[in-house]
C-alpha atoms as a PDB file:
ATOM      1  CA  MET A   1      -0.239  -0.005  -0.087  1.00  0.00           C
ATOM      2  CA  LYS A   2       2.757   2.281   0.862  1.00  0.00           C
ATOM      3  CA  LYS A   3       4.571   1.811  -2.614  1.00  0.00           C
ATOM      4  CA  SER A   4       0.871   2.588  -4.548  1.00  0.00           C
ATOM      5  CA  ILE A   5       0.736   5.886  -2.528  1.00  0.00           C
ATOM      6  CA  VAL A   6       4.366   6.638  -3.615  1.00  0.00           C
ATOM      7  CA  SER A   7       3.617   5.960  -7.301  1.00  0.00           C
ATOM      8  CA  ILE A   8       0.479   8.293  -7.107  1.00  0.00           C
ATOM      9  CA  TYR A   9       2.768  10.973  -5.828  1.00  0.00           C
ATOM     10  CA  MET A  10       5.177  10.389  -8.754  1.00  0.00           C
ATOM     11  CA  LEU A  11       2.714  10.275 -11.642  1.00  0.00           C
ATOM     12  CA  THR A  12       1.215  13.444  -9.909  1.00  0.00           C
ATOM     13  CA  LEU A  13       4.186  15.148 -10.306  1.00  0.00           C
ATOM     14  CA  MET A  14       4.828  14.141 -14.027  1.00  0.00           C
ATOM     15  CA  CYS A  15       1.600  15.044 -15.062  1.00  0.00           C
ATOM     16  CA  LEU A  16       2.159  18.756 -13.792  1.00  0.00           C
ATOM     17  CA  PHE A  17       5.287  18.803 -15.315  1.00  0.00           C
ATOM     18  CA  SER A  18       3.437  17.653 -18.539  1.00  0.00           C
ATOM     19  CA  CYS A  19       0.513  19.904 -18.106  1.00  0.00           C
ATOM     20  CA  ASP A  20      -1.615  16.641 -19.648  1.00  0.00           C
ATOM     21  CA  ILE A  21      -5.050  16.785 -17.430  1.00  0.00           C
ATOM     22  CA  ASN A  22      -6.473  14.007 -19.156  1.00  0.00           C
ATOM     23  CA  PHE A  23      -3.772  11.804 -18.806  1.00  0.00           C
ATOM     24  CA  LEU A  24      -3.463  12.734 -15.354  1.00  0.00           C
ATOM     25  CA  ASN A  25      -7.096  11.821 -14.456  1.00  0.00           C
ATOM     26  CA  GLU A  26      -6.621   8.280 -16.124  1.00  0.00           C
ATOM     27  CA  LEU A  27      -3.425   7.357 -14.013  1.00  0.00           C
ATOM     28  CA  LEU A  28      -5.389   8.532 -10.755  1.00  0.00           C
ATOM     29  CA  GLY A  29      -8.512   6.101 -11.825  1.00  0.00           C
ATOM     30  CA  LYS A  30      -5.827   2.998 -12.433  1.00  0.00           C
ATOM     31  CA  SER A  31      -4.036   3.732  -9.049  1.00  0.00           C
ATOM     32  CA  ARG A  32      -7.190   3.987  -7.035  1.00  0.00           C
ATOM     33  CA  GLU A  33      -8.540   0.403  -8.797  1.00  0.00           C
ATOM     34  CA  LYS A  34      -5.103  -0.753  -7.806  1.00  0.00           C
ATOM     35  CA  PHE A  35      -5.194   0.512  -4.306  1.00  0.00           C
ATOM     36  CA  LEU A  36      -9.220  -0.901  -3.935  1.00  0.00           C
ATOM     37  CA  GLU A  37      -7.846  -4.428  -4.827  1.00  0.00           C
ATOM     38  CA  GLU A  38      -4.630  -4.471  -2.359  1.00  0.00           C
ATOM     39  CA  THR A  39      -7.218  -3.680   0.552  1.00  0.00           C
ATOM     40  CA  ASP A  40      -9.473  -6.465  -0.468  1.00  0.00           C
ATOM     41  CA  ASN A  41      -6.535  -8.884  -0.500  1.00  0.00           C
ATOM     42  CA  VAL A  42      -5.482  -7.638   2.918  1.00  0.00           C
ATOM     43  CA  LYS A  43      -8.992  -8.116   4.424  1.00  0.00           C
ATOM     44  CA  ASP A  44      -9.047 -11.672   3.018  1.00  0.00           C
ATOM     45  CA  LEU A  45      -5.533 -12.341   4.247  1.00  0.00           C
ATOM     46  CA  ASN A  46      -6.897 -11.272   7.871  1.00  0.00           C
ATOM     47  CA  SER A  47      -9.945 -13.596   7.618  1.00  0.00           C
ATOM     48  CA  LYS A  48      -8.070 -16.503   6.624  1.00  0.00           C
ATOM     49  CA  GLU A  49      -5.741 -15.848   9.831  1.00  0.00           C
ATOM     50  CA  GLU A  50      -8.655 -15.520  11.995  1.00  0.00           C
ATOM     51  CA  ASN A  51     -10.205 -18.825  10.941  1.00  0.00           C
ATOM     52  CA  GLN A  52      -6.856 -20.609  11.218  1.00  0.00           C
ATOM     53  CA  GLU A  53      -6.651 -19.324  14.888  1.00  0.00           C
ATOM     54  CA  GLY A  54     -10.081 -20.674  15.769  1.00  0.00           C
ATOM     55  CA  LYS A  55      -9.011 -23.838  14.215  1.00  0.00           C
ATOM     56  CA  GLU A  56      -6.059 -24.387  16.358  1.00  0.00           C
ATOM     57  CA  ASN A  57      -7.810 -23.377  19.624  1.00  0.00           C
ATOM     58  CA  GLN A  58     -10.594 -25.923  18.951  1.00  0.00           C
ATOM     59  CA  VAL A  59      -7.273 -28.584  18.601  1.00  0.00           C
ATOM     60  CA  ASP A  60      -5.854 -27.288  21.796  1.00  0.00           C
ATOM     61  CA  VAL A  61      -9.095 -27.883  23.529  1.00  0.00           C
ATOM     62  CA  SER A  62      -9.477 -31.360  22.046  1.00  0.00           C
ATOM     63  CA  LYS A  63      -5.771 -32.131  23.315  1.00  0.00           C
ATOM     64  CA  VAL A  64      -6.756 -31.045  26.585  1.00  0.00           C
ATOM     65  CA  LYS A  65      -9.608 -33.095  27.183  1.00  0.00           C
ATOM     66  CA  ARG A  66      -7.614 -36.242  25.874  1.00  0.00           C
ATOM     67  CA  ASP A  67      -4.993 -35.419  28.381  1.00  0.00           C
ATOM     68  CA  VAL A  68      -7.447 -35.307  30.985  1.00  0.00           C
ATOM     69  CA  VAL A  69      -8.778 -38.581  30.145  1.00  0.00           C
ATOM     70  CA  VAL A  70      -5.381 -40.053  29.786  1.00  0.00           C
ATOM     71  CA  ASN A  71      -4.458 -38.996  33.306  1.00  0.00           C
ATOM     72  CA  LYS A  72      -7.654 -40.170  34.711  1.00  0.00           C
ATOM     73  CA  ASP A  73      -6.632 -43.626  33.361  1.00  0.00           C
ATOM     74  CA  PHE A  74      -3.279 -43.579  34.449  1.00  0.00           C
ATOM     75  CA  MET A  75      -4.309 -42.681  38.297  1.00  0.00           C
ATOM     76  CA  GLU A  76      -6.870 -45.548  38.072  1.00  0.00           C
ATOM     77  CA  LYS A  77      -4.431 -47.812  37.111  1.00  0.00           C
ATOM     78  CA  SER A  78      -1.852 -46.794  39.231  1.00  0.00           C
ATOM     79  CA  ILE A  79      -4.610 -47.299  42.493  1.00  0.00           C
ATOM     80  CA  GLU A  80      -5.238 -50.823  41.305  1.00  0.00           C
ATOM     81  CA  LEU A  81      -1.616 -51.469  40.970  1.00  0.00           C
ATOM     82  CA  SER A  82      -0.968 -50.267  45.008  1.00  0.00           C
ATOM     83  CA  GLN A  83      -3.953 -52.589  45.612  1.00  0.00           C
ATOM     84  CA  ILE A  84      -2.435 -55.934  44.039  1.00  0.00           C
ATOM     85  CA  LYS A  85      -3.116 -58.659  46.126  1.00  0.00           C
ATOM     86  CA  LEU A  86       0.108 -59.866  47.829  1.00  0.00           C
ATOM     87  CA  THR A  87       2.091 -63.118  46.888  1.00  0.00           C
ATOM     88  CA  GLU A  88       1.936 -66.271  48.639  1.00  0.00           C
ATOM     89  CA  ASP A  89       5.671 -65.739  49.485  1.00  0.00           C
ATOM     90  CA  GLN A  90       5.071 -62.279  50.672  1.00  0.00           C
ATOM     91  CA  GLU A  91       1.886 -63.280  53.017  1.00  0.00           C
ATOM     92  CA  SER A  92       3.688 -66.217  54.460  1.00  0.00           C
ATOM     93  CA  TYR A  93       6.743 -63.614  55.550  1.00  0.00           C
ATOM     94  CA  LEU A  94       3.873 -61.260  56.961  1.00  0.00           C
ATOM     95  CA  ILE A  95       2.159 -64.223  58.894  1.00  0.00           C
ATOM     96  CA  SER A  96       5.429 -64.967  60.619  1.00  0.00           C
ATOM     97  CA  LYS A  97       5.892 -61.368  61.413  1.00  0.00           C
ATOM     98  CA  ASP A  98       2.659 -61.375  62.917  1.00  0.00           C
ATOM     99  CA  ALA A  99       3.347 -64.340  64.981  1.00  0.00           C
ATOM    100  CA  GLU A 100       6.482 -62.689  65.977  1.00  0.00           C
ATOM    101  CA  ALA A 101       4.729 -59.470  67.142  1.00  0.00           C
ATOM    102  CA  ASN A 102       1.942 -61.363  69.208  1.00  0.00           C
ATOM    103  CA  ALA A 103       4.469 -63.681  70.885  1.00  0.00           C
ATOM    104  CA  MET A 104       6.599 -60.126  72.072  1.00  0.00           C
ATOM    105  CA  GLN A 105       3.190 -58.537  72.867  1.00  0.00           C
ATOM    106  CA  ASN A 106       2.633 -61.652  75.715  1.00  0.00           C
ATOM    107  CA  ARG A 107       6.046 -61.187  76.951  1.00  0.00           C
ATOM    108  CA  ILE A 108       5.329 -57.207  77.205  1.00  0.00           C
ATOM    109  CA  ASP A 109       2.229 -58.071  79.055  1.00  0.00           C
ATOM    110  CA  PHE A 110       3.807 -60.712  81.383  1.00  0.00           C
ATOM    111  CA  LYS A 111       6.771 -58.004  82.174  1.00  0.00           C
ATOM    112  CA  LEU A 112       4.108 -55.307  82.902  1.00  0.00           C
ATOM    113  CA  LEU A 113       2.344 -57.444  85.039  1.00  0.00           C
ATOM    114  CA  LYS A 114       5.516 -58.518  87.318  1.00  0.00           C
ATOM    115  CA  ILE A 115       6.442 -54.452  87.219  1.00  0.00           C
ATOM    116  CA  ASN A 116       2.915 -53.685  88.338  1.00  0.00           C
ATOM    117  CA  GLU A 117       3.466 -56.147  91.319  1.00  0.00           C
ATOM    118  CA  LYS A 118       6.630 -54.869  92.268  1.00  0.00           C
ATOM    119  CA  TYR A 119       4.989 -51.286  92.371  1.00  0.00           C
ATOM    120  CA  ASP A 120       2.535 -52.457  94.361  1.00  0.00           C
ATOM    121  CA  GLU A 121       5.004 -53.752  96.774  1.00  0.00           C
ATOM    122  CA  LEU A 122       6.973 -50.770  97.056  1.00  0.00           C
ATOM    123  CA  ASP A 123       4.296 -48.178  96.917  1.00  0.00           C
ATOM    124  CA  LYS A 124       2.388 -50.423 100.133  1.00  0.00           C
ATOM    125  CA  SER A 125       6.058 -50.146 101.908  1.00  0.00           C
ATOM    126  CA  LEU A 126       5.896 -46.251 101.476  1.00  0.00           C
ATOM    127  CA  SER A 127       2.706 -45.565 102.795  1.00  0.00           C
ATOM    128  CA  GLU A 128       3.747 -47.682 105.910  1.00  0.00           C
ATOM    129  CA  LEU A 129       6.887 -45.611 106.390  1.00  0.00           C
ATOM    130  CA  LYS A 130       4.834 -42.740 106.288  1.00  0.00           C
ATOM    131  CA  LYS A 131       2.477 -43.740 108.973  1.00  0.00           C
ATOM    132  CA  MET A 132       5.300 -44.402 110.870  1.00  0.00           C
ATOM    133  CA  GLU A 133       6.476 -40.674 110.528  1.00  0.00           C
ATOM    134  CA  ALA A 134       3.120 -39.464 111.936  1.00  0.00           C
ATOM    135  CA  PHE A 135       3.538 -41.677 114.730  1.00  0.00           C
ATOM    136  CA  VAL A 136       6.792 -40.558 115.382  1.00  0.00           C
ATOM    137  CA  ILE A 137       5.705 -37.060 115.113  1.00  0.00           C
ATOM    138  CA  LYS A 138       2.784 -37.713 117.874  1.00  0.00           C
ATOM    139  CA  ALA A 139       5.405 -39.461 120.105  1.00  0.00           C
ATOM    140  CA  GLU A 140       8.155 -36.519 120.096  1.00  0.00           C
ATOM    141  CA  SER A 141       5.151 -34.237 121.003  1.00  0.00           C
ATOM    142  CA  ASP A 142       3.937 -36.101 123.621  1.00  0.00           C
ATOM    143  CA  PHE A 143       7.429 -36.645 124.877  1.00  0.00           C
ATOM    144  CA  ASP A 144       8.304 -32.867 124.964  1.00  0.00           C
ATOM    145  CA  GLU A 145       4.947 -32.474 126.707  1.00  0.00           C
ATOM    146  CA  ALA A 146       5.751 -34.996 129.740  1.00  0.00           C
ATOM    147  CA  ARG A 147       9.225 -33.651 130.058  1.00  0.00           C
ATOM    148  CA  ARG A 148       8.052 -30.201 130.632  1.00  0.00           C
ATOM    149  CA  GLY A 149       5.249 -31.571 133.042  1.00  0.00           C
ATOM    150  CA  ILE A 150       7.293 -33.361 135.275  1.00  0.00           C
ATOM    151  CA  SER A 151       6.355 -33.181 138.849  1.00  0.00           C
ATOM    152  CA  GLY A 152       8.469 -35.702 140.984  1.00  0.00           C
ATOM    153  CA  ASN A 153       6.660 -38.561 138.943  1.00  0.00           C
ATOM    154  CA  GLU A 154       9.463 -41.123 139.148  1.00  0.00           C
ATOM    155  CA  HIS A 155       8.008 -43.525 136.975  1.00  0.00           C
ATOM    156  CA  VAL A 156       7.683 -40.986 134.273  1.00  0.00           C
ATOM    157  CA  THR A 157      11.319 -40.009 134.662  1.00  0.00           C
ATOM    158  CA  LYS A 158      12.215 -43.721 133.892  1.00  0.00           C
ATOM    159  CA  ALA A 159      10.160 -43.624 130.816  1.00  0.00           C
ATOM    160  CA  LEU A 160      11.152 -40.305 129.069  1.00  0.00           C
ATOM    161  CA  PRO A 161      14.726 -42.054 128.053  1.00  0.00           C
ATOM    162  CA  TYR A 162      13.551 -45.070 126.627  1.00  0.00           C
ATOM    163  CA  LEU A 163      11.241 -43.056 124.418  1.00  0.00           C
ATOM    164  CA  TYR A 164      13.662 -40.537 123.598  1.00  0.00           C
ATOM    165  CA  GLU A 165      15.943 -43.453 122.326  1.00  0.00           C
ATOM    166  CA  ALA A 166      13.125 -45.292 120.397  1.00  0.00           C
ATOM    167  CA  ILE A 167      12.025 -41.916 119.116  1.00  0.00           C
ATOM    168  CA  LYS A 168      15.603 -41.159 117.602  1.00  0.00           C
ATOM    169  CA  THR A 169      16.480 -44.991 116.558  1.00  0.00           C
ATOM    170  CA  VAL A 170      12.883 -45.042 114.313  1.00  0.00           C
ATOM    171  CA  LYS A 171      13.785 -41.781 112.588  1.00  0.00           C
ATOM    172  CA  VAL A 172      17.252 -42.934 111.164  1.00  0.00           C
ATOM    173  CA  SER A 173      16.281 -46.477 110.372  1.00  0.00           C
ATOM    174  CA  ARG A 174      12.822 -45.356 108.693  1.00  0.00           C
ATOM    175  CA  HIS A 175      14.651 -42.392 106.723  1.00  0.00           C
ATOM    176  CA  ILE A 176      16.861 -44.845 105.388  1.00  0.00           C
ATOM    177  CA  ALA A 177      14.090 -47.327 104.337  1.00  0.00           C
ATOM    178  CA  GLU A 178      11.929 -44.069 102.875  1.00  0.00           C
ATOM    179  CA  VAL A 179      15.151 -43.021 100.623  1.00  0.00           C
ATOM    180  CA  GLY A 180      15.639 -46.562  99.313  1.00  0.00           C
ATOM    181  CA  TYR A 181      12.107 -46.917  98.487  1.00  0.00           C
ATOM    182  CA  ASN A 182      11.456 -43.869  96.917  1.00  0.00           C
ATOM    183  CA  GLY A 183      14.637 -44.349  94.636  1.00  0.00           C
ATOM    184  CA  GLN A 184      13.563 -47.566  93.423  1.00  0.00           C
ATOM    185  CA  LEU A 185      10.072 -46.514  92.802  1.00  0.00           C
ATOM    186  CA  ASN A 186      11.398 -43.762  90.561  1.00  0.00           C
ATOM    187  CA  ALA A 187      13.420 -46.526  88.580  1.00  0.00           C
ATOM    188  CA  LEU A 188      10.408 -48.633  88.654  1.00  0.00           C
ATOM    189  CA  GLU A 189       8.346 -46.072  86.690  1.00  0.00           C
ATOM    190  CA  HIS A 190      11.223 -45.759  84.169  1.00  0.00           C
ATOM    191  CA  VAL A 191      11.205 -49.576  83.666  1.00  0.00           C
ATOM    192  CA  LYS A 192       7.128 -49.375  83.466  1.00  0.00           C
ATOM    193  CA  ALA A 193       7.561 -46.322  80.520  1.00  0.00           C
ATOM    194  CA  ALA A 194       9.706 -48.369  78.470  1.00  0.00           C
ATOM    195  CA  ALA A 195       7.624 -51.521  78.584  1.00  0.00           C
ATOM    196  CA  GLU A 196       4.646 -49.504  77.648  1.00  0.00           C
ATOM    197  CA  TYR A 197       5.902 -47.897  74.892  1.00  0.00           C
ATOM    198  CA  ALA A 198       7.243 -51.187  73.609  1.00  0.00           C
ATOM    199  CA  LYS A 199       3.598 -52.256  73.848  1.00  0.00           C
ATOM    200  CA  SER A 200       2.495 -49.076  71.556  1.00  0.00           C
ATOM    201  CA  LEU A 201       5.349 -50.073  68.907  1.00  0.00           C
ATOM    202  CA  ILE A 202       3.823 -53.806  68.827  1.00  0.00           C
ATOM    203  CA  LYS A 203       0.375 -52.573  68.585  1.00  0.00           C
ATOM    204  CA  SER A 204       1.378 -50.082  65.749  1.00  0.00           C
ATOM    205  CA  ALA A 205       3.472 -52.883  64.086  1.00  0.00           C
ATOM    206  CA  LEU A 206       0.307 -55.197  63.903  1.00  0.00           C
ATOM    207  CA  GLY A 207      -1.735 -52.155  62.403  1.00  0.00           C
ATOM    208  CA  GLU A 208       0.898 -51.966  59.599  1.00  0.00           C
ATOM    209  CA  SER A 209       0.369 -55.594  59.024  1.00  0.00           C
ATOM    210  CA  ALA A 210      -3.231 -55.054  57.955  1.00  0.00           C
ATOM    211  CA  GLN A 211      -1.922 -52.028  56.332  1.00  0.00           C
ATOM    212  CA  ALA A 212       0.135 -54.036  54.046  1.00  0.00           C
ATOM    213  CA  ARG A 213      -2.588 -56.305  53.052  1.00  0.00           C
ATOM    214  CA  ALA A 214      -4.498 -53.812  52.381  1.00  0.00           C
ATOM    215  CA  SER A 215      -2.888 -50.707  50.707  1.00  0.00           C
ATOM    216  CA  GLY A 216       0.731 -52.175  49.495  1.00  0.00           C
ATOM    217  CA  TYR A 217       3.418 -54.429  50.809  1.00  0.00           C
ATOM    218  CA  TYR A 218       5.798 -51.609  51.488  1.00  0.00           C
ATOM    219  CA  TYR A 219       4.008 -51.170  55.090  1.00  0.00           C
ATOM    220  CA  VAL A 220       5.971 -54.494  56.022  1.00  0.00           C
ATOM    221  CA  GLN A 221       9.211 -52.370  56.243  1.00  0.00           C
ATOM    222  CA  ARG A 222       7.703 -49.971  58.989  1.00  0.00           C
ATOM    223  CA  MET A 223       6.216 -53.326  60.635  1.00  0.00           C
ATOM    224  CA  ILE A 224       9.786 -54.544  61.276  1.00  0.00           C
ATOM    225  CA  ASP A 225      11.449 -51.414  62.410  1.00  0.00           C
ATOM    226  CA  ASN A 226       8.794 -51.270  65.038  1.00  0.00           C
ATOM    227  CA  ILE A 227       9.035 -54.683  66.026  1.00  0.00           C
ATOM    228  CA  SER A 228      12.591 -53.976  66.456  1.00  0.00           C
ATOM    229  CA  LYS A 229      12.205 -51.055  68.406  1.00  0.00           C
ATOM    230  CA  ALA A 230       9.712 -52.738  70.923  1.00  0.00           C
ATOM    231  CA  GLU A 231      12.396 -55.250  71.245  1.00  0.00           C
ATOM    232  CA  THR A 232      15.054 -52.931  72.272  1.00  0.00           C
ATOM    233  CA  ASN A 233      12.775 -51.283  74.531  1.00  0.00           C
ATOM    234  CA  LEU A 234      11.586 -54.621  76.330  1.00  0.00           C
ATOM    235  CA  SER A 235      15.362 -55.638  76.666  1.00  0.00           C
ATOM    236  CA  LYS A 236      15.676 -52.120  78.091  1.00  0.00           C
ATOM    237  CA  ALA A 237      13.286 -52.714  80.433  1.00  0.00           C
ATOM    238  CA  LYS A 238      13.975 -56.108  81.498  1.00  0.00           C
ATOM    239  CA  ASN A 239      17.683 -55.138  82.306  1.00  0.00           C
ATOM    240  CA  MET A 240      16.639 -52.033  84.550  1.00  0.00           C
ATOM    241  CA  PHE A 241      13.978 -54.283  86.280  1.00  0.00           C
ATOM    242  CA  GLY A 242      16.446 -56.730  87.079  1.00  0.00           C
ATOM    243  CA  GLU A 243      18.892 -54.010  88.875  1.00  0.00           C
ATOM    244  CA  ILE A 244      15.639 -53.406  90.676  1.00  0.00           C
ATOM    245  CA  GLU A 245      14.994 -56.903  91.782  1.00  0.00           C
ATOM    246  CA  LEU A 246      18.661 -57.068  93.206  1.00  0.00           C
ATOM    247  CA  LYS A 247      18.320 -54.047  95.133  1.00  0.00           C
ATOM    248  CA  LEU A 248      14.819 -55.218  96.721  1.00  0.00           C
ATOM    249  CA  ASP A 249      16.256 -57.907  99.190  1.00  0.00           C
ATOM    250  CA  THR A 250      18.312 -54.816 100.875  1.00  0.00           C
ATOM    251  CA  LEU A 251      15.136 -52.466 100.782  1.00  0.00           C
ATOM    252  CA  ARG A 252      13.363 -55.566 102.482  1.00  0.00           C
ATOM    253  CA  ASN A 253      15.927 -55.666 105.173  1.00  0.00           C
ATOM    254  CA  ASP A 254      15.565 -51.874 105.486  1.00  0.00           C
ATOM    255  CA  MET A 255      11.878 -52.356 106.009  1.00  0.00           C
ATOM    256  CA  LYS A 256      12.261 -54.930 108.377  1.00  0.00           C
ATOM    257  CA  GLN A 257      14.731 -52.834 110.531  1.00  0.00           C
ATOM    258  CA  ALA A 258      12.473 -50.053 110.608  1.00  0.00           C
ATOM    259  CA  LYS A 259       9.212 -52.108 111.516  1.00  0.00           C
ATOM    260  CA  ASN A 260      11.351 -53.615 114.342  1.00  0.00           C
ATOM    261  CA  ASP A 261      12.398 -50.253 115.794  1.00  0.00           C
ATOM    262  CA  PHE A 262       8.964 -48.798 115.430  1.00  0.00           C
ATOM    263  CA  THR A 263       7.700 -51.701 117.701  1.00  0.00           C
ATOM    264  CA  VAL A 264      10.046 -50.932 120.460  1.00  0.00           C
ATOM    265  CA  LEU A 265       8.539 -47.189 119.931  1.00  0.00           C
ATOM    266  CA  GLU A 266       5.605 -48.242 120.099  1.00  0.00           C
ATOM    267  CA  LYS A 267       5.859 -50.085 123.716  1.00  0.00           C
ATOM    268  CA  ALA A 268       8.055 -47.170 124.880  1.00  0.00           C
ATOM    269  CA  TYR A 269       5.249 -44.711 124.004  1.00  0.00           C
ATOM    270  CA  GLN A 270       2.539 -47.020 125.611  1.00  0.00           C
ATOM    271  CA  LEU A 271       4.728 -47.103 128.887  1.00  0.00           C
ATOM    272  CA  LEU A 272       4.897 -43.324 128.994  1.00  0.00           C
ATOM    273  CA  LEU A 273       0.898 -43.226 128.706  1.00  0.00           C
ATOM    274  CA  GLU A 274       0.632 -45.807 131.407  1.00  0.00           C
ATOM    275  CA  VAL A 275       2.717 -44.157 133.801  1.00  0.00           C
ATOM    276  CA  ASN A 276       1.530 -40.535 133.344  1.00  0.00           C
ATOM    277  CA  LYS A 277      -1.918 -41.990 134.741  1.00  0.00           C
ATOM    278  CA  ARG A 278      -0.399 -42.906 137.852  1.00  0.00           C
END
């Protein structure tokens, strides 16, 4: 189009120079026809480009639809693959691991039973020691009151030294026993925590066994790991429990001594009550 305009200007100048008006009109008419022809060609070209773009967009939409269908099919096939039934060997191995986990669960339950028995024993002994302490406090209070209130009562004067010695002895033996029992009770709580953690791991392992059958064999590795961790914690609990059992004999002897001393204290205190009545 730019070339046509330039041509018109050139012809116009030439005609002006030649001063031939008719020739000029003829040239202008031809140039106008050529300009209109080129304009129509441009419109046809734009129309073809728009049609081609519309077809390409339709092709893109169709391609997207096909891709969606393909992806959906792929996802459905992937789900089917993840739910494939276990092979005979895999099922056999899983059954053996189930048996191992159930056997360990029984061992853990038995160990927890023994731990709870020892816990009750230690807790009961500590309760007895607490009662002794309350009695010692009362005996000390009455001893101080009797000592301040002596008014020539010979029997009270003789009873007080026995009570004093009994109180002092019980304080020592009771304290030794209480410290030992508290220490072993705290240790036993750690043993119990380790055993209960092992039990929770076995519970998870058995759950992963069921998950392996439902969702995929790769859950078996998690099951194996939890069984191994449970074995480690159970072994830890057994070792700590063994150390506590070794110390129990000493604790029982300390408790026996405290009880014997407490019996002497009860007699000395009873004597004081009797002589105070005279």
